[in-house]
C-alpha atoms as a PDB file:
ATOM      1  CA  MET A   1     -80.267  28.101 -39.550  1.00  0.00           C
ATOM      2  CA  ALA A   2     -80.224  24.462 -38.990  1.00  0.00           C
ATOM      3  CA  THR A   3     -76.884  24.306 -40.651  1.00  0.00           C
ATOM      4  CA  THR A   4     -75.476  26.933 -38.383  1.00  0.00           C
ATOM      5  CA  LYS A   5     -76.716  25.163 -35.299  1.00  0.00           C
ATOM      6  CA  LYS A   6     -75.205  21.948 -36.586  1.00  0.00           C
ATOM      7  CA  ALA A   7     -72.017  23.770 -37.417  1.00  0.00           C
ATOM      8  CA  ALA A   8     -71.969  25.412 -33.972  1.00  0.00           C
ATOM      9  CA  LYS A   9     -72.553  22.054 -32.303  1.00  0.00           C
ATOM     10  CA  ALA A  10     -69.847  20.502 -34.455  1.00  0.00           C
ATOM     11  CA  ALA A  11     -67.469  23.349 -33.607  1.00  0.00           C
ATOM     12  CA  GLU A  12     -68.332  22.946 -29.935  1.00  0.00           C
ATOM     13  CA  LYS A  13     -67.692  19.193 -30.133  1.00  0.00           C
ATOM     14  CA  GLU A  14     -64.458  19.883 -31.967  1.00  0.00           C
ATOM     15  CA  THR A  15     -63.388  22.302 -29.236  1.00  0.00           C
ATOM     16  CA  LYS A  16     -64.235  19.732 -26.555  1.00  0.00           C
ATOM     17  CA  VAL A  17     -62.299  17.087 -28.459  1.00  0.00           C
ATOM     18  CA  GLU A  18     -59.345  19.469 -28.835  1.00  0.00           C
ATOM     19  CA  LYS A  19     -59.442  20.268 -25.090  1.00  0.00           C
ATOM     20  CA  ALA A  20     -59.638  16.562 -24.257  1.00  0.00           C
ATOM     21  CA  ALA A  21     -56.779  15.904 -26.657  1.00  0.00           C
ATOM     22  CA  GLU A  22     -54.751  18.674 -24.955  1.00  0.00           C
ATOM     23  CA  LYS A  23     -55.480  17.146 -21.531  1.00  0.00           C
ATOM     24  CA  VAL A  24     -54.442  13.716 -22.760  1.00  0.00           C
ATOM     25  CA  THR A  25     -51.308  15.166 -24.362  1.00  0.00           C
ATOM     26  CA  LYS A  26     -50.397  17.057 -21.158  1.00  0.00           C
ATOM     27  CA  ALA A  27     -51.042  13.932 -19.087  1.00  0.00           C
ATOM     28  CA  ALA A  28     -48.903  11.889 -21.463  1.00  0.00           C
ATOM     29  CA  GLU A  29     -46.098  14.481 -21.337  1.00  0.00           C
ATOM     30  CA  LYS A  30     -46.320  14.517 -17.540  1.00  0.00           C
ATOM     31  CA  ALA A  31     -46.204  10.716 -17.470  1.00  0.00           C
ATOM     32  CA  VAL A  32     -43.175  10.728 -19.781  1.00  0.00           C
ATOM     33  CA  LYS A  33     -41.399  13.301 -17.580  1.00  0.00           C
ATOM     34  CA  THR A  34     -42.220  11.317 -14.453  1.00  0.00           C
ATOM     35  CA  THR A  35     -41.039   8.121 -16.109  1.00  0.00           C
ATOM     36  CA  LYS A  36     -37.804   9.785 -17.270  1.00  0.00           C
ATOM     37  CA  THR A  37     -37.205  11.211 -13.788  1.00  0.00           C
ATOM     38  CA  ALA A  38     -37.912   7.841 -12.182  1.00  0.00           C
ATOM     39  CA  ALA A  39     -35.716   6.076 -14.725  1.00  0.00           C
ATOM     40  CA  LYS A  40     -32.908   8.549 -14.071  1.00  0.00           C
ATOM     41  CA  ALA A  41     -33.221   8.025 -10.292  1.00  0.00           C
ATOM     42  CA  VAL A  42     -33.197   4.240 -10.724  1.00  0.00           C
ATOM     43  CA  GLU A  43     -30.186   4.498 -13.014  1.00  0.00           C
ATOM     44  CA  GLU A  44     -28.291   6.652 -10.489  1.00  0.00           C
ATOM     45  CA  LYS A  45     -29.109   4.226  -7.661  1.00  0.00           C
ATOM     46  CA  ALA A  46     -27.966   1.316  -9.821  1.00  0.00           C
ATOM     47  CA  GLU A  47     -24.657   3.092 -10.590  1.00  0.00           C
ATOM     48  CA  LYS A  48     -24.085   3.746  -6.883  1.00  0.00           C
ATOM     49  CA  ALA A  49     -24.849   0.114  -6.061  1.00  0.00           C
ATOM     50  CA  VAL A  50     -22.448  -1.063  -8.752  1.00  0.00           C
ATOM     51  CA  LYS A  51     -19.708   1.224  -7.424  1.00  0.00           C
ATOM     52  CA  LYS A  52     -20.245  -0.082  -3.889  1.00  0.00           C
ATOM     53  CA  ALA A  53     -20.371  -3.701  -5.008  1.00  0.00           C
ATOM     54  CA  ALA A  54     -17.376  -3.424  -7.311  1.00  0.00           C
ATOM     55  CA  PRO A  55     -14.409  -5.234  -5.774  1.00  0.00           C
ATOM     56  CA  LYS A  56     -11.846  -2.817  -4.478  1.00  0.00           C
ATOM     57  CA  LYS A  57      -8.412  -3.232  -5.916  1.00  0.00           C
ATOM     58  CA  ALA A  58      -6.025  -4.462  -3.302  1.00  0.00           C
ATOM     59  CA  ALA A  59      -2.890  -2.441  -2.895  1.00  0.00           C
ATOM     60  CA  PRO A  60      -0.057  -4.212  -4.636  1.00  0.00           C
ATOM     61  CA  LYS A  61       2.008  -6.133  -2.154  1.00  0.00           C
ATOM     62  CA  LYS A  62       5.454  -4.759  -1.751  1.00  0.00           C
ATOM     63  CA  ALA A  63       8.017  -7.451  -1.988  1.00  0.00           C
ATOM     64  CA  ALA A  64      10.490  -7.398   0.833  1.00  0.00           C
ATOM     65  CA  PRO A  65      13.859  -6.361  -0.474  1.00  0.00           C
ATOM     66  CA  LYS A  66      16.009  -9.385  -0.932  1.00  0.00           C
ATOM     67  CA  LYS A  67      18.939  -9.485   1.402  1.00  0.00           C
ATOM     68  CA  PRO A  68      22.156 -10.092  -0.402  1.00  0.00           C
ATOM     69  CA  ALA A  69      23.833 -13.291   0.610  1.00  0.00           C
ATOM     70  CA  GLU A  70      26.356 -12.646   3.335  1.00  0.00           C
ATOM     71  CA  THR A  71      29.883 -13.102   2.195  1.00  0.00           C
ATOM     72  CA  LYS A  72      32.023 -15.304   4.381  1.00  0.00           C
ATOM     73  CA  VAL A  73      35.219 -13.408   5.142  1.00  0.00           C
ATOM     74  CA  ASN A  74      38.330 -15.074   6.493  1.00  0.00           C
ATOM     75  CA  PHE A  75      40.580 -12.366   7.885  1.00  0.00           C
ATOM     76  CA  PHE A  76      44.153 -13.083   8.987  1.00  0.00           C
ATOM     77  CA  VAL A  77      46.937 -10.943  10.416  1.00  0.00           C
ATOM     78  CA  GLU A  78      50.399 -12.040   9.422  1.00  0.00           C
ATOM     79  CA  PHE A  79      53.470 -11.027  11.401  1.00  0.00           C
ATOM     80  CA  GLY A  80      56.937 -12.528  11.337  1.00  0.00           C
ATOM     81  CA  GLY A  81      55.815 -15.186   8.871  1.00  0.00           C
ATOM     82  CA  VAL A  82      53.027 -16.434  11.164  1.00  0.00           C
ATOM     83  CA  GLN A  83      49.277 -16.007  10.600  1.00  0.00           C
ATOM     84  CA  VAL A  84      46.602 -15.439  13.230  1.00  0.00           C
ATOM     85  CA  SER A  85      42.904 -15.584  12.356  1.00  0.00           C
ATOM     86  CA  ILE A  86      40.889 -12.586  13.489  1.00  0.00           C
ATOM     87  CA  ASP A  87      38.047 -14.983  14.392  1.00  0.00           C
ATOM     88  CA  GLU A  88      40.393 -16.645  16.886  1.00  0.00           C
ATOM     89  CA  VAL A  89      41.418 -13.286  18.323  1.00  0.00           C
ATOM     90  CA  ILE A  90      37.755 -12.259  18.762  1.00  0.00           C
ATOM     91  CA  ALA A  91      36.872 -15.612  20.395  1.00  0.00           C
ATOM     92  CA  ASN A  92      39.826 -15.225  22.793  1.00  0.00           C
ATOM     93  CA  VAL A  93      38.803 -11.619  23.592  1.00  0.00           C
ATOM     94  CA  LYS A  94      35.296 -12.818  24.481  1.00  0.00           C
ATOM     95  CA  ASP A  95      36.750 -15.563  26.670  1.00  0.00           C
ATOM     96  CA  SER A  96      39.107 -13.078  28.377  1.00  0.00           C
ATOM     97  CA  TYR A  97      36.252 -10.691  29.143  1.00  0.00           C
ATOM     98  CA  GLY A  98      34.362 -13.530  30.822  1.00  0.00           C
ATOM     99  CA  LYS A  99      30.806 -12.341  30.177  1.00  0.00           C
ATOM    100  CA  ASP A 100      28.606 -11.342  27.254  1.00  0.00           C
ATOM    101  CA  ALA A 101      29.312  -7.834  26.020  1.00  0.00           C
ATOM    102  CA  LYS A 102      27.022  -5.588  24.044  1.00  0.00           C
ATOM    103  CA  GLU A 103      29.931  -3.905  22.277  1.00  0.00           C
ATOM    104  CA  ILE A 104      33.579  -4.847  21.846  1.00  0.00           C
ATOM    105  CA  ALA A 105      36.353  -2.870  20.125  1.00  0.00           C
ATOM    106  CA  VAL A 106      39.631  -4.724  19.432  1.00  0.00           C
ATOM    107  CA  TYR A 107      43.008  -3.090  18.722  1.00  0.00           C
ATOM    108  CA  LEU A 108      45.620  -5.599  17.551  1.00  0.00           C
ATOM    109  CA  LYS A 109      49.338  -4.733  17.858  1.00  0.00           C
ATOM    110  CA  PRO A 110      51.329  -7.571  16.258  1.00  0.00           C
ATOM    111  CA  GLU A 111      54.711  -5.992  17.115  1.00  0.00           C
ATOM    112  CA  GLU A 112      53.815  -6.293  20.831  1.00  0.00           C
ATOM    113  CA  SER A 113      51.930  -9.609  20.395  1.00  0.00           C
ATOM    114  CA  LYS A 114      49.006  -7.983  22.213  1.00  0.00           C
ATOM    115  CA  ALA A 115      45.335  -7.306  21.614  1.00  0.00           C
ATOM    116  CA  TYR A 116      43.910  -4.333  23.484  1.00  0.00           C
ATOM    117  CA  PHE A 117      40.140  -4.269  23.741  1.00  0.00           C
ATOM    118  CA  VAL A 118      37.293  -2.289  25.203  1.00  0.00           C
ATOM    119  CA  ALA A 119      34.231  -4.318  26.176  1.00  0.00           C
ATOM    120  CA  ASP A 120      31.201  -2.357  27.369  1.00  0.00           C
ATOM    121  CA  GLY A 121      33.464   0.544  28.336  1.00  0.00           C
ATOM    122  CA  GLU A 122      35.946  -1.641  30.227  1.00  0.00           C
ATOM    123  CA  GLU A 123      39.556  -1.585  28.929  1.00  0.00           C
ATOM    124  CA  LYS A 124      41.605  -4.796  28.970  1.00  0.00           C
ATOM    125  CA  GLU A 125      44.443  -6.465  27.152  1.00  0.00           C
ATOM    126  CA  MET A 126      45.483  -9.980  26.214  1.00  0.00           C
ATOM    127  CA  ASP A 127      48.416 -11.714  24.634  1.00  0.00           C
ATOM    128  CA  VAL A 128      48.209 -12.843  21.025  1.00  0.00           C
ATOM    129  CA  PHE A 129      50.652 -15.568  20.076  1.00  0.00           C
ATOM    130  CA  PHE A 130      52.059 -15.440  16.585  1.00  0.00           C
ATOM    131  CA  CYS A 131      53.517 -18.934  16.545  1.00  0.00           C
END
């Protein structure tokens, strides 16, 4: 019987060892899960911090459209073999009106040697000399 008591005690010790091993295994598994969860949370926080800290791309600057160079135009009216510059006619119209105008429309009639104009709604005329 001594062998059976020893065997029973050994079996009992073995059971206790197995239970302790199970507890340790469960604790280890729990620790691993906790560590994985914590690691995942830290990783997510790090990703968010990196996204916040990442320099934002500036919107590409739109280049202002280049204005084409203005073309200098010399415009003349010729009548009876004589030329008159339109710039001169416009300058004389402005002088005839006597004050700054917001809008001027000029109608040139070489056969009458006249320029009819409307400045800010006011109709006038002036002589144009084709000399």
